[in-house]
C-alpha atoms as a PDB file:
ATOM      1  CA  UNK A   1       2.270 -75.808  80.804  1.00  0.00           C
ATOM      2  CA  UNK A   2       3.050 -72.161  81.554  1.00  0.00           C
ATOM      3  CA  UNK A   3       5.536 -72.078  78.664  1.00  0.00           C
ATOM      4  CA  UNK A   4       2.896 -73.504  76.325  1.00  0.00           C
ATOM      5  CA  UNK A   5       0.405 -70.794  77.273  1.00  0.00           C
ATOM      6  CA  UNK A   6       3.094 -68.113  76.925  1.00  0.00           C
ATOM      7  CA  UNK A   7       3.993 -69.321  73.421  1.00  0.00           C
ATOM      8  CA  UNK A   8       0.318 -69.295  72.433  1.00  0.00           C
ATOM      9  CA  UNK A   9      -0.020 -65.718  73.665  1.00  0.00           C
ATOM     10  CA  UNK A  10       3.073 -64.598  71.763  1.00  0.00           C
ATOM     11  CA  UNK A  11       1.839 -66.186  68.515  1.00  0.00           C
ATOM     12  CA  UNK A  12      -1.596 -64.604  68.969  1.00  0.00           C
ATOM     13  CA  UNK A  13      -0.027 -61.185  69.561  1.00  0.00           C
ATOM     14  CA  UNK A  14       2.097 -61.582  66.416  1.00  0.00           C
ATOM     15  CA  UNK A  15      -0.930 -62.481  64.323  1.00  0.00           C
ATOM     16  CA  UNK A  16      -2.741 -59.382  65.532  1.00  0.00           C
ATOM     17  CA  UNK A  17      -0.006 -57.148  64.120  1.00  0.00           C
ATOM     18  CA  UNK A  18       0.349 -58.819  60.736  1.00  0.00           C
ATOM     19  CA  UNK A  19      -0.849 -56.863  57.728  1.00  0.00           C
ATOM     20  CA  UNK A  20      -1.191 -57.827  54.104  1.00  0.00           C
ATOM     21  CA  UNK A  21      -0.028 -60.968  52.308  1.00  0.00           C
ATOM     22  CA  UNK A  22       3.630 -60.622  53.325  1.00  0.00           C
ATOM     23  CA  UNK A  23       2.769 -60.719  57.026  1.00  0.00           C
ATOM     24  CA  UNK A  24       4.880 -57.648  57.731  1.00  0.00           C
ATOM     25  CA  UNK A  25       3.503 -54.842  59.832  1.00  0.00           C
ATOM     26  CA  UNK A  26       2.453 -51.718  57.977  1.00  0.00           C
ATOM     27  CA  UNK A  27       4.639 -48.774  58.900  1.00  0.00           C
ATOM     28  CA  UNK A  28       3.631 -45.125  58.719  1.00  0.00           C
ATOM     29  CA  UNK A  29       5.065 -43.388  55.644  1.00  0.00           C
ATOM     30  CA  UNK A  30       8.384 -41.626  56.033  1.00  0.00           C
ATOM     31  CA  UNK A  31       8.486 -37.893  56.598  1.00  0.00           C
ATOM     32  CA  UNK A  32       7.441 -36.056  53.486  1.00  0.00           C
ATOM     33  CA  UNK A  33       4.314 -35.660  51.366  1.00  0.00           C
ATOM     34  CA  UNK A  34       1.531 -38.064  52.268  1.00  0.00           C
ATOM     35  CA  UNK A  35      -1.206 -39.097  49.852  1.00  0.00           C
ATOM     36  CA  UNK A  36      -4.763 -40.146  50.648  1.00  0.00           C
ATOM     37  CA  UNK A  37      -7.099 -41.552  47.996  1.00  0.00           C
ATOM     38  CA  UNK A  38     -10.842 -41.874  48.627  1.00  0.00           C
ATOM     39  CA  UNK A  39     -12.871 -43.965  46.159  1.00  0.00           C
ATOM     40  CA  UNK A  40     -16.661 -43.920  46.169  1.00  0.00           C
ATOM     41  CA  UNK A  41     -19.598 -44.524  43.837  1.00  0.00           C
ATOM     42  CA  UNK A  42     -21.531 -41.294  43.184  1.00  0.00           C
ATOM     43  CA  UNK A  43     -20.943 -37.550  43.157  1.00  0.00           C
ATOM     44  CA  UNK A  44     -21.926 -36.543  46.744  1.00  0.00           C
ATOM     45  CA  UNK A  45     -20.750 -39.840  48.312  1.00  0.00           C
ATOM     46  CA  UNK A  46     -17.674 -38.010  49.593  1.00  0.00           C
ATOM     47  CA  UNK A  47     -20.030 -36.540  52.204  1.00  0.00           C
ATOM     48  CA  UNK A  48     -19.658 -39.824  54.099  1.00  0.00           C
ATOM     49  CA  UNK A  49     -16.054 -38.871  54.937  1.00  0.00           C
ATOM     50  CA  UNK A  50     -15.906 -35.178  54.069  1.00  0.00           C
ATOM     51  CA  UNK A  51     -14.873 -33.927  57.541  1.00  0.00           C
ATOM     52  CA  UNK A  52     -11.907 -36.324  57.416  1.00  0.00           C
ATOM     53  CA  UNK A  53     -10.931 -35.269  53.886  1.00  0.00           C
ATOM     54  CA  UNK A  54     -11.066 -31.620  54.974  1.00  0.00           C
ATOM     55  CA  UNK A  55      -8.998 -32.380  58.074  1.00  0.00           C
ATOM     56  CA  UNK A  56      -6.159 -34.093  56.244  1.00  0.00           C
ATOM     57  CA  UNK A  57      -6.133 -31.584  53.394  1.00  0.00           C
ATOM     58  CA  UNK A  58      -5.745 -28.779  55.951  1.00  0.00           C
ATOM     59  CA  UNK A  59      -2.813 -30.687  57.461  1.00  0.00           C
ATOM     60  CA  UNK A  60      -0.997 -30.765  54.107  1.00  0.00           C
ATOM     61  CA  UNK A  61      -1.909 -34.270  52.982  1.00  0.00           C
ATOM     62  CA  UNK A  62      -2.323 -34.673  49.218  1.00  0.00           C
ATOM     63  CA  UNK A  63      -5.994 -35.733  49.104  1.00  0.00           C
ATOM     64  CA  UNK A  64      -7.550 -37.239  45.977  1.00  0.00           C
ATOM     65  CA  UNK A  65     -11.200 -38.146  45.492  1.00  0.00           C
ATOM     66  CA  UNK A  66     -12.260 -40.655  42.829  1.00  0.00           C
ATOM     67  CA  UNK A  67     -15.916 -41.163  41.921  1.00  0.00           C
ATOM     68  CA  UNK A  68     -16.861 -44.211  39.853  1.00  0.00           C
ATOM     69  CA  UNK A  69     -20.212 -43.262  38.289  1.00  0.00           C
ATOM     70  CA  UNK A  70     -21.640 -40.151  36.668  1.00  0.00           C
ATOM     71  CA  UNK A  71     -24.774 -40.037  38.819  1.00  0.00           C
ATOM     72  CA  UNK A  72     -27.061 -39.675  35.787  1.00  0.00           C
ATOM     73  CA  UNK A  73     -29.953 -41.541  37.424  1.00  0.00           C
ATOM     74  CA  UNK A  74     -30.039 -39.591  40.696  1.00  0.00           C
ATOM     75  CA  UNK A  75     -33.135 -37.536  39.913  1.00  0.00           C
ATOM     76  CA  UNK A  76     -34.848 -35.362  42.526  1.00  0.00           C
ATOM     77  CA  UNK A  77     -38.079 -33.436  42.052  1.00  0.00           C
ATOM     78  CA  UNK A  78     -36.762 -30.159  43.473  1.00  0.00           C
ATOM     79  CA  UNK A  79     -33.919 -29.945  40.894  1.00  0.00           C
ATOM     80  CA  UNK A  80     -36.160 -30.439  37.847  1.00  0.00           C
ATOM     81  CA  UNK A  81     -33.280 -32.060  35.913  1.00  0.00           C
ATOM     82  CA  UNK A  82     -34.163 -35.222  33.961  1.00  0.00           C
ATOM     83  CA  UNK A  83     -32.081 -38.353  34.153  1.00  0.00           C
ATOM     84  CA  UNK A  84     -29.320 -38.631  31.579  1.00  0.00           C
ATOM     85  CA  UNK A  85     -26.522 -36.482  30.183  1.00  0.00           C
ATOM     86  CA  UNK A  86     -27.827 -33.182  31.580  1.00  0.00           C
ATOM     87  CA  UNK A  87     -27.939 -34.524  35.126  1.00  0.00           C
ATOM     88  CA  UNK A  88     -24.514 -36.153  34.760  1.00  0.00           C
ATOM     89  CA  UNK A  89     -23.066 -32.812  33.604  1.00  0.00           C
ATOM     90  CA  UNK A  90     -24.657 -30.971  36.528  1.00  0.00           C
ATOM     91  CA  UNK A  91     -23.348 -33.474  39.039  1.00  0.00           C
ATOM     92  CA  UNK A  92     -19.830 -33.237  37.621  1.00  0.00           C
ATOM     93  CA  UNK A  93     -19.825 -29.483  38.305  1.00  0.00           C
ATOM     94  CA  UNK A  94     -21.270 -30.054  41.766  1.00  0.00           C
ATOM     95  CA  UNK A  95     -18.498 -32.510  42.595  1.00  0.00           C
ATOM     96  CA  UNK A  96     -15.851 -30.049  41.427  1.00  0.00           C
ATOM     97  CA  UNK A  97     -17.419 -27.427  43.690  1.00  0.00           C
ATOM     98  CA  UNK A  98     -17.390 -29.853  46.639  1.00  0.00           C
ATOM     99  CA  UNK A  99     -13.701 -30.668  46.129  1.00  0.00           C
ATOM    100  CA  UNK A 100     -12.850 -26.969  46.102  1.00  0.00           C
ATOM    101  CA  UNK A 101     -14.746 -26.397  49.352  1.00  0.00           C
ATOM    102  CA  UNK A 102     -12.910 -29.290  50.996  1.00  0.00           C
ATOM    103  CA  UNK A 103      -9.524 -28.001  49.832  1.00  0.00           C
ATOM    104  CA  UNK A 104      -8.613 -31.238  48.039  1.00  0.00           C
ATOM    105  CA  UNK A 105      -7.392 -31.999  44.519  1.00  0.00           C
ATOM    106  CA  UNK A 106      -9.854 -31.747  41.609  1.00  0.00           C
ATOM    107  CA  UNK A 107     -11.961 -34.920  41.571  1.00  0.00           C
ATOM    108  CA  UNK A 108     -11.179 -37.912  39.384  1.00  0.00           C
ATOM    109  CA  UNK A 109     -14.293 -39.263  37.640  1.00  0.00           C
ATOM    110  CA  UNK A 110     -14.348 -42.628  35.890  1.00  0.00           C
ATOM    111  CA  UNK A 111     -17.671 -41.700  34.265  1.00  0.00           C
ATOM    112  CA  UNK A 112     -19.188 -45.171  34.563  1.00  0.00           C
ATOM    113  CA  UNK A 113     -22.934 -45.518  34.266  1.00  0.00           C
ATOM    114  CA  UNK A 114     -24.976 -44.815  37.384  1.00  0.00           C
ATOM    115  CA  UNK A 115     -26.063 -48.191  38.820  1.00  0.00           C
ATOM    116  CA  UNK A 116     -23.264 -49.726  36.698  1.00  0.00           C
ATOM    117  CA  UNK A 117     -25.774 -50.771  34.001  1.00  0.00           C
ATOM    118  CA  UNK A 118     -27.254 -53.458  36.244  1.00  0.00           C
ATOM    119  CA  UNK A 119     -30.549 -53.244  34.387  1.00  0.00           C
ATOM    120  CA  UNK A 120     -28.900 -54.212  31.099  1.00  0.00           C
ATOM    121  CA  UNK A 121     -27.803 -57.661  32.213  1.00  0.00           C
ATOM    122  CA  UNK A 122     -24.644 -59.367  33.428  1.00  0.00           C
ATOM    123  CA  UNK A 123     -22.612 -58.612  30.297  1.00  0.00           C
ATOM    124  CA  UNK A 124     -23.026 -54.845  30.661  1.00  0.00           C
ATOM    125  CA  UNK A 125     -22.471 -54.989  34.426  1.00  0.00           C
ATOM    126  CA  UNK A 126     -19.288 -57.040  34.031  1.00  0.00           C
ATOM    127  CA  UNK A 127     -17.914 -54.529  31.506  1.00  0.00           C
ATOM    128  CA  UNK A 128     -18.514 -51.721  33.994  1.00  0.00           C
ATOM    129  CA  UNK A 129     -16.868 -53.660  36.808  1.00  0.00           C
ATOM    130  CA  UNK A 130     -13.866 -54.475  34.617  1.00  0.00           C
ATOM    131  CA  UNK A 131     -13.455 -50.781  33.762  1.00  0.00           C
ATOM    132  CA  UNK A 132     -13.695 -49.942  37.447  1.00  0.00           C
ATOM    133  CA  UNK A 133     -11.122 -52.591  38.322  1.00  0.00           C
ATOM    134  CA  UNK A 134      -8.646 -51.297  35.732  1.00  0.00           C
ATOM    135  CA  UNK A 135      -9.209 -47.687  36.773  1.00  0.00           C
ATOM    136  CA  UNK A 136      -8.565 -48.409  40.449  1.00  0.00           C
ATOM    137  CA  UNK A 137      -5.388 -50.336  39.650  1.00  0.00           C
ATOM    138  CA  UNK A 138      -4.155 -47.445  37.516  1.00  0.00           C
ATOM    139  CA  UNK A 139      -4.746 -44.990  40.378  1.00  0.00           C
ATOM    140  CA  UNK A 140      -2.896 -47.226  42.818  1.00  0.00           C
ATOM    141  CA  UNK A 141       0.018 -47.456  40.394  1.00  0.00           C
ATOM    142  CA  UNK A 142       0.194 -43.787  39.404  1.00  0.00           C
ATOM    143  CA  UNK A 143      -0.771 -41.976  42.629  1.00  0.00           C
ATOM    144  CA  UNK A 144       0.893 -44.467  44.999  1.00  0.00           C
ATOM    145  CA  UNK A 145      -1.388 -43.437  47.875  1.00  0.00           C
ATOM    146  CA  UNK A 146      -0.322 -44.162  51.431  1.00  0.00           C
ATOM    147  CA  UNK A 147      -3.946 -44.638  52.441  1.00  0.00           C
ATOM    148  CA  UNK A 148      -7.118 -45.606  50.556  1.00  0.00           C
ATOM    149  CA  UNK A 149     -10.631 -44.987  51.857  1.00  0.00           C
ATOM    150  CA  UNK A 150     -13.766 -46.710  50.600  1.00  0.00           C
ATOM    151  CA  UNK A 151     -16.689 -48.692  52.046  1.00  0.00           C
ATOM    152  CA  UNK A 152     -16.848 -52.200  53.420  1.00  0.00           C
ATOM    153  CA  UNK A 153     -19.776 -54.615  53.299  1.00  0.00           C
ATOM    154  CA  UNK A 154     -22.206 -52.123  54.831  1.00  0.00           C
ATOM    155  CA  UNK A 155     -21.740 -49.627  52.023  1.00  0.00           C
ATOM    156  CA  UNK A 156     -22.560 -46.929  54.616  1.00  0.00           C
ATOM    157  CA  UNK A 157     -26.182 -46.794  53.443  1.00  0.00           C
ATOM    158  CA  UNK A 158     -26.476 -50.326  52.082  1.00  0.00           C
ATOM    159  CA  UNK A 159     -26.698 -49.002  48.491  1.00  0.00           C
ATOM    160  CA  UNK A 160     -25.733 -51.693  45.959  1.00  0.00           C
ATOM    161  CA  UNK A 161     -23.426 -49.299  44.055  1.00  0.00           C
ATOM    162  CA  UNK A 162     -21.624 -48.500  47.293  1.00  0.00           C
ATOM    163  CA  UNK A 163     -21.138 -52.173  48.098  1.00  0.00           C
ATOM    164  CA  UNK A 164     -19.913 -53.002  44.587  1.00  0.00           C
ATOM    165  CA  UNK A 165     -17.411 -50.146  44.420  1.00  0.00           C
ATOM    166  CA  UNK A 166     -16.024 -51.006  47.858  1.00  0.00           C
ATOM    167  CA  UNK A 167     -15.790 -54.662  46.854  1.00  0.00           C
ATOM    168  CA  UNK A 168     -13.831 -53.887  43.670  1.00  0.00           C
ATOM    169  CA  UNK A 169     -11.454 -51.542  45.513  1.00  0.00           C
ATOM    170  CA  UNK A 170     -10.853 -54.328  48.027  1.00  0.00           C
ATOM    171  CA  UNK A 171     -10.324 -56.854  45.221  1.00  0.00           C
ATOM    172  CA  UNK A 172      -7.643 -54.684  43.612  1.00  0.00           C
ATOM    173  CA  UNK A 173      -5.983 -54.027  46.973  1.00  0.00           C
ATOM    174  CA  UNK A 174      -5.845 -57.782  47.634  1.00  0.00           C
ATOM    175  CA  UNK A 175      -4.728 -58.684  44.102  1.00  0.00           C
ATOM    176  CA  UNK A 176      -1.042 -58.178  44.828  1.00  0.00           C
ATOM    177  CA  UNK A 177       1.365 -57.071  47.530  1.00  0.00           C
ATOM    178  CA  UNK A 178       1.537 -53.286  47.248  1.00  0.00           C
ATOM    179  CA  UNK A 179       4.235 -51.070  48.695  1.00  0.00           C
ATOM    180  CA  UNK A 180       1.724 -48.264  48.257  1.00  0.00           C
ATOM    181  CA  UNK A 181      -1.127 -48.167  49.059  1.00  0.00           C
ATOM    182  CA  UNK A 182      -0.018 -49.366  52.456  1.00  0.00           C
ATOM    183  CA  UNK A 183      -3.426 -49.507  54.078  1.00  0.00           C
ATOM    184  CA  UNK A 184      -7.110 -49.654  53.161  1.00  0.00           C
ATOM    185  CA  UNK A 185      -9.830 -48.372  55.467  1.00  0.00           C
ATOM    186  CA  UNK A 186     -13.597 -48.706  55.369  1.00  0.00           C
ATOM    187  CA  UNK A 187     -15.685 -45.766  56.518  1.00  0.00           C
ATOM    188  CA  UNK A 188     -18.658 -46.765  58.658  1.00  0.00           C
ATOM    189  CA  UNK A 189     -21.107 -45.572  61.279  1.00  0.00           C
ATOM    190  CA  UNK A 190     -21.099 -47.414  64.619  1.00  0.00           C
ATOM    191  CA  UNK A 191     -24.367 -49.198  65.301  1.00  0.00           C
ATOM    192  CA  UNK A 192     -24.815 -47.487  68.630  1.00  0.00           C
ATOM    193  CA  UNK A 193     -24.621 -44.062  66.965  1.00  0.00           C
ATOM    194  CA  UNK A 194     -27.767 -44.504  64.883  1.00  0.00           C
ATOM    195  CA  UNK A 195     -30.942 -43.048  66.311  1.00  0.00           C
ATOM    196  CA  UNK A 196     -34.257 -44.709  65.580  1.00  0.00           C
ATOM    197  CA  UNK A 197     -35.444 -41.266  64.473  1.00  0.00           C
ATOM    198  CA  UNK A 198     -32.581 -40.764  62.006  1.00  0.00           C
ATOM    199  CA  UNK A 199     -33.716 -38.972  58.844  1.00  0.00           C
ATOM    200  CA  UNK A 200     -31.434 -40.976  56.538  1.00  0.00           C
ATOM    201  CA  UNK A 201     -31.072 -44.653  55.708  1.00  0.00           C
ATOM    202  CA  UNK A 202     -27.844 -45.982  57.181  1.00  0.00           C
ATOM    203  CA  UNK A 203     -26.154 -49.376  57.432  1.00  0.00           C
ATOM    204  CA  UNK A 204     -24.012 -49.667  60.541  1.00  0.00           C
ATOM    205  CA  UNK A 205     -21.031 -51.633  61.839  1.00  0.00           C
ATOM    206  CA  UNK A 206     -20.459 -52.703  65.440  1.00  0.00           C
ATOM    207  CA  UNK A 207     -17.950 -50.418  67.131  1.00  0.00           C
ATOM    208  CA  UNK A 208     -15.700 -53.348  68.067  1.00  0.00           C
ATOM    209  CA  UNK A 209     -14.649 -53.560  64.397  1.00  0.00           C
ATOM    210  CA  UNK A 210     -14.002 -49.811  64.070  1.00  0.00           C
ATOM    211  CA  UNK A 211     -10.567 -49.627  65.652  1.00  0.00           C
ATOM    212  CA  UNK A 212      -9.418 -46.428  63.917  1.00  0.00           C
ATOM    213  CA  UNK A 213     -10.998 -43.227  65.216  1.00  0.00           C
ATOM    214  CA  UNK A 214     -10.242 -39.843  63.691  1.00  0.00           C
ATOM    215  CA  UNK A 215     -10.864 -36.628  65.593  1.00  0.00           C
ATOM    216  CA  UNK A 216     -12.387 -33.860  63.478  1.00  0.00           C
ATOM    217  CA  UNK A 217     -12.885 -30.212  64.387  1.00  0.00           C
ATOM    218  CA  UNK A 218     -15.772 -27.789  64.027  1.00  0.00           C
ATOM    219  CA  UNK A 219     -13.806 -26.188  61.175  1.00  0.00           C
ATOM    220  CA  UNK A 220     -13.675 -29.583  59.425  1.00  0.00           C
ATOM    221  CA  UNK A 221     -17.435 -29.885  59.863  1.00  0.00           C
ATOM    222  CA  UNK A 222     -17.953 -26.402  58.464  1.00  0.00           C
ATOM    223  CA  UNK A 223     -15.985 -27.229  55.297  1.00  0.00           C
ATOM    224  CA  UNK A 224     -17.884 -30.494  55.061  1.00  0.00           C
ATOM    225  CA  UNK A 225     -21.219 -28.697  55.170  1.00  0.00           C
ATOM    226  CA  UNK A 226     -20.106 -26.164  52.542  1.00  0.00           C
ATOM    227  CA  UNK A 227     -19.120 -29.017  50.232  1.00  0.00           C
ATOM    228  CA  UNK A 228     -22.417 -30.809  50.802  1.00  0.00           C
ATOM    229  CA  UNK A 229     -24.321 -27.675  49.798  1.00  0.00           C
ATOM    230  CA  UNK A 230     -22.646 -27.860  46.379  1.00  0.00           C
ATOM    231  CA  UNK A 231     -24.808 -30.863  45.498  1.00  0.00           C
ATOM    232  CA  UNK A 232     -27.855 -28.796  44.607  1.00  0.00           C
ATOM    233  CA  UNK A 233     -29.342 -31.446  42.318  1.00  0.00           C
ATOM    234  CA  UNK A 234     -29.497 -33.871  45.212  1.00  0.00           C
ATOM    235  CA  UNK A 235     -30.351 -31.799  48.275  1.00  0.00           C
ATOM    236  CA  UNK A 236     -32.135 -28.656  49.290  1.00  0.00           C
ATOM    237  CA  UNK A 237     -30.375 -26.452  51.866  1.00  0.00           C
ATOM    238  CA  UNK A 238     -32.942 -27.655  54.414  1.00  0.00           C
ATOM    239  CA  UNK A 239     -32.113 -31.292  53.694  1.00  0.00           C
ATOM    240  CA  UNK A 240     -28.394 -30.631  54.062  1.00  0.00           C
ATOM    241  CA  UNK A 241     -28.988 -28.836  57.342  1.00  0.00           C
ATOM    242  CA  UNK A 242     -30.999 -31.779  58.640  1.00  0.00           C
ATOM    243  CA  UNK A 243     -28.668 -34.542  57.471  1.00  0.00           C
ATOM    244  CA  UNK A 244     -25.475 -32.712  58.415  1.00  0.00           C
ATOM    245  CA  UNK A 245     -26.905 -31.945  61.841  1.00  0.00           C
ATOM    246  CA  UNK A 246     -27.950 -35.567  62.326  1.00  0.00           C
ATOM    247  CA  UNK A 247     -24.452 -36.834  61.537  1.00  0.00           C
ATOM    248  CA  UNK A 248     -22.693 -34.204  63.635  1.00  0.00           C
ATOM    249  CA  UNK A 249     -24.904 -34.966  66.621  1.00  0.00           C
ATOM    250  CA  UNK A 250     -24.435 -38.714  66.220  1.00  0.00           C
ATOM    251  CA  UNK A 251     -20.703 -38.760  65.538  1.00  0.00           C
ATOM    252  CA  UNK A 252     -19.751 -35.785  67.724  1.00  0.00           C
ATOM    253  CA  UNK A 253     -16.138 -35.004  66.783  1.00  0.00           C
ATOM    254  CA  UNK A 254     -15.058 -38.545  65.922  1.00  0.00           C
ATOM    255  CA  UNK A 255     -15.148 -40.419  62.606  1.00  0.00           C
ATOM    256  CA  UNK A 256     -14.810 -44.191  62.547  1.00  0.00           C
ATOM    257  CA  UNK A 257     -12.972 -46.588  60.233  1.00  0.00           C
ATOM    258  CA  UNK A 258     -12.460 -50.325  59.948  1.00  0.00           C
ATOM    259  CA  UNK A 259      -8.950 -51.286  58.808  1.00  0.00           C
ATOM    260  CA  UNK A 260      -8.706 -53.987  56.173  1.00  0.00           C
ATOM    261  CA  UNK A 261      -6.672 -57.101  56.874  1.00  0.00           C
ATOM    262  CA  UNK A 262      -4.745 -55.731  59.812  1.00  0.00           C
ATOM    263  CA  UNK A 263      -5.419 -55.379  63.530  1.00  0.00           C
ATOM    264  CA  UNK A 264      -2.958 -53.181  65.408  1.00  0.00           C
ATOM    265  CA  UNK A 265      -5.165 -51.965  68.247  1.00  0.00           C
ATOM    266  CA  UNK A 266      -6.847 -48.578  68.615  1.00  0.00           C
ATOM    267  CA  UNK A 267      -5.392 -45.763  66.499  1.00  0.00           C
ATOM    268  CA  UNK A 268      -6.132 -42.076  66.092  1.00  0.00           C
ATOM    269  CA  UNK A 269      -4.565 -41.528  62.677  1.00  0.00           C
ATOM    270  CA  UNK A 270      -4.937 -42.988  59.213  1.00  0.00           C
ATOM    271  CA  UNK A 271      -1.186 -42.736  58.623  1.00  0.00           C
END
């Protein structure tokens, strides 16, 4: 009986360290340049992980940011920019500014339609999703990132574009056995970190699922705030101050991630 229980425990422990379709454990990349690829929906969505992007860029990691849509529908009264090409052009410049402030590579923009043409019916939406799928696969193949960041089911704020982009990134990651990317992580806010008085809409994840915690510094936060201020069409300086302060107070100096398809116990690094 004791041997039976021991065997069960050994099998369970083995399952908890299996990653990906091959069942082999993901190893950290060998010494040398490391590459991180973050894929999100809109210009300014990088703010959901910007302290982490700043941290790894400062440590010499080759950090790429890919944004799926052009943000042309993200109108705000204070900016006085109408929806359409003019807003998309403004948001492209804002994203470039944000990448510079974070110290990462110039952003990659797929230029898909904001809201992925959902209002035009399933045919238009499917074309957008197919373009997104092909673009993500091309990035995986050409950049060969060690790590990919996106959103899981929560989409961080629950936004449908966020959920769709994260779903497509996951689909491509699961479509074959990749040597690189080696691991996919979902950025999320722990449920117990959200205050009832929070100024922003957030969708949370229970902390038990967020087994990867990344320590960020005040300098990382400072670069994050500078990058957020680039998005002038979306936020006033007062709004940035409020939202940035809310996140910093809630998260303290820790950012949380849920690893995809692999449970290896608590970790303090993405690599």
